[in-house]
Structure formats: C-alpha cells, structure tokens
C-alpha cells in the first residue's frame, strides 16, 4: 500500500518543479524578445 502523504509530497514537488520551469522559460523568452527589440530599434 502506498502512503498517501508520500504521494502528496511527491506531487507537490513535481508541481513546484514544473512551476519553476515555466517561470524560468517565461523569463528567458522575455529576455530574448527584449534583446531582439533593442537590436531592431538600433538599426
């Protein structure tokens, strides 16, 4: 039998890792768009 508390902790850790991944991906895409916009603005 699987301990439900253990399952809940693993689920919370997976959700936290997924949220951090989405947050970092959003920062990276925003940074890339900012670099491209500043490059286009200089020309």
N, C-alpha and C. Protein backbone atom coordinates (compact mmCIF):
# COMPACT_ATOMS: atom_id res chain seq x y z
N UNK A 1 0.85 -1.20 0.00
CA UNK A 1 0.00 0.00 0.00
C UNK A 1 0.88 1.25 0.00
N UNK A 2 0.54 2.22 -0.82
CA UNK A 2 1.33 3.43 -0.94
C UNK A 2 0.83 4.45 0.09
N UNK A 3 1.75 5.12 0.73
CA UNK A 3 1.40 6.12 1.74
C UNK A 3 0.85 7.37 1.04
N UNK A 4 -0.38 7.79 1.35
CA UNK A 4 -0.95 8.96 0.65
C UNK A 4 -0.19 10.25 0.94
N UNK A 5 0.42 10.36 2.12
CA UNK A 5 1.19 11.56 2.44
C UNK A 5 2.43 11.64 1.54
N UNK A 6 3.07 10.50 1.31
CA UNK A 6 4.23 10.46 0.42
C UNK A 6 3.83 10.84 -1.00
N UNK A 7 2.70 10.31 -1.46
CA UNK A 7 2.22 10.64 -2.81
C UNK A 7 1.94 12.14 -2.92
N UNK A 8 1.34 12.71 -1.87
CA UNK A 8 1.06 14.14 -1.88
C UNK A 8 2.33 14.97 -1.91
N UNK A 9 3.34 14.55 -1.15
CA UNK A 9 4.61 15.30 -1.14
C UNK A 9 5.29 15.23 -2.49
N UNK A 10 5.29 14.05 -3.11
CA UNK A 10 5.90 13.91 -4.44
C UNK A 10 5.14 14.75 -5.47
N UNK A 11 3.81 14.76 -5.37
CA UNK A 11 3.00 15.58 -6.28
C UNK A 11 3.29 17.06 -6.11
N UNK A 12 3.42 17.50 -4.86
CA UNK A 12 3.74 18.91 -4.62
C UNK A 12 5.13 19.26 -5.16
N UNK A 13 6.09 18.37 -4.98
CA UNK A 13 7.44 18.64 -5.50
C UNK A 13 7.42 18.72 -7.02
N UNK A 14 6.70 17.82 -7.68
CA UNK A 14 6.61 17.86 -9.13
C UNK A 14 5.93 19.14 -9.60
N UNK A 15 4.87 19.55 -8.92
CA UNK A 15 4.18 20.79 -9.29
C UNK A 15 5.10 21.99 -9.10
N UNK A 16 5.90 21.99 -8.04
CA UNK A 16 6.82 23.09 -7.79
C UNK A 16 7.89 23.16 -8.87
N UNK A 17 8.45 22.00 -9.23
CA UNK A 17 9.47 21.97 -10.29
C UNK A 17 8.88 22.45 -11.61
N UNK A 18 7.65 22.04 -11.93
CA UNK A 18 7.00 22.46 -13.16
C UNK A 18 6.76 23.97 -13.17
N UNK A 19 6.34 24.52 -12.02
CA UNK A 19 6.10 25.96 -11.93
C UNK A 19 7.41 26.73 -12.10
N UNK A 20 8.49 26.25 -11.50
CA UNK A 20 9.79 26.91 -11.66
C UNK A 20 10.23 26.86 -13.12
N UNK A 21 10.01 25.72 -13.78
CA UNK A 21 10.37 25.59 -15.20
C UNK A 21 9.62 26.61 -16.05
N UNK A 22 8.30 26.72 -15.82
CA UNK A 22 7.52 27.69 -16.60
C UNK A 22 7.97 29.12 -16.32
N UNK A 23 8.28 29.42 -15.05
CA UNK A 23 8.73 30.76 -14.67
C UNK A 23 10.04 31.10 -15.37
N UNK A 24 11.01 30.17 -15.34
CA UNK A 24 12.30 30.43 -15.98
C UNK A 24 12.16 30.53 -17.49
N UNK A 25 11.28 29.71 -18.09
CA UNK A 25 11.08 29.78 -19.53
C UNK A 25 10.48 31.12 -19.92
N UNK A 26 9.54 31.64 -19.09
CA UNK A 26 8.94 32.94 -19.37
C UNK A 26 9.98 34.05 -19.27
N UNK A 27 10.85 33.97 -18.28
CA UNK A 27 11.92 34.97 -18.15
C UNK A 27 12.84 34.92 -19.36
N UNK A 28 13.20 33.70 -19.80
CA UNK A 28 14.12 33.55 -20.93
C UNK A 28 13.50 34.09 -22.21
N UNK A 29 12.22 33.79 -22.45
CA UNK A 29 11.60 34.28 -23.68
C UNK A 29 11.44 35.80 -23.63
N UNK A 30 11.11 36.34 -22.48
CA UNK A 30 11.01 37.79 -22.35
C UNK A 30 12.34 38.47 -22.57
N UNK A 31 13.40 37.88 -22.05
CA UNK A 31 14.74 38.45 -22.24
C UNK A 31 15.13 38.40 -23.71
N UNK A 32 14.83 37.27 -24.38
CA UNK A 32 15.16 37.14 -25.80
C UNK A 32 14.40 38.16 -26.63
N UNK A 33 13.11 38.35 -26.33
CA UNK A 33 12.32 39.34 -27.07
C UNK A 33 12.85 40.75 -26.83
N UNK A 34 13.27 41.03 -25.61
CA UNK A 34 13.83 42.35 -25.32
C UNK A 34 15.12 42.60 -26.08
N UNK A 35 15.95 41.58 -26.18
CA UNK A 35 17.21 41.72 -26.93
C UNK A 35 16.91 41.94 -28.40
N UNK A 36 15.94 41.18 -28.95
CA UNK A 36 15.60 41.36 -30.36
C UNK A 36 15.00 42.74 -30.62
N UNK A 37 14.17 43.24 -29.73
CA UNK A 37 13.57 44.55 -29.92
C UNK A 37 14.62 45.65 -29.86
N UNK A 38 15.56 45.52 -28.93
CA UNK A 38 16.60 46.55 -28.83
C UNK A 38 17.51 46.49 -30.05
N UNK A 39 17.75 45.30 -30.58
CA UNK A 39 18.56 45.18 -31.78
C UNK A 39 17.85 45.81 -32.98
N UNK A 40 16.55 45.59 -33.10
CA UNK A 40 15.79 46.18 -34.20
C UNK A 40 15.67 47.69 -34.07
N UNK A 41 15.60 48.19 -32.86
CA UNK A 41 15.45 49.62 -32.65
C UNK A 41 16.70 50.41 -32.99
N UNK A 42 17.85 49.78 -32.90
CA UNK A 42 19.10 50.50 -33.16
C UNK A 42 19.33 50.73 -34.66
N UNK A 43 18.78 49.83 -35.51
CA UNK A 43 19.01 49.96 -36.94
C UNK A 43 18.31 51.16 -37.53
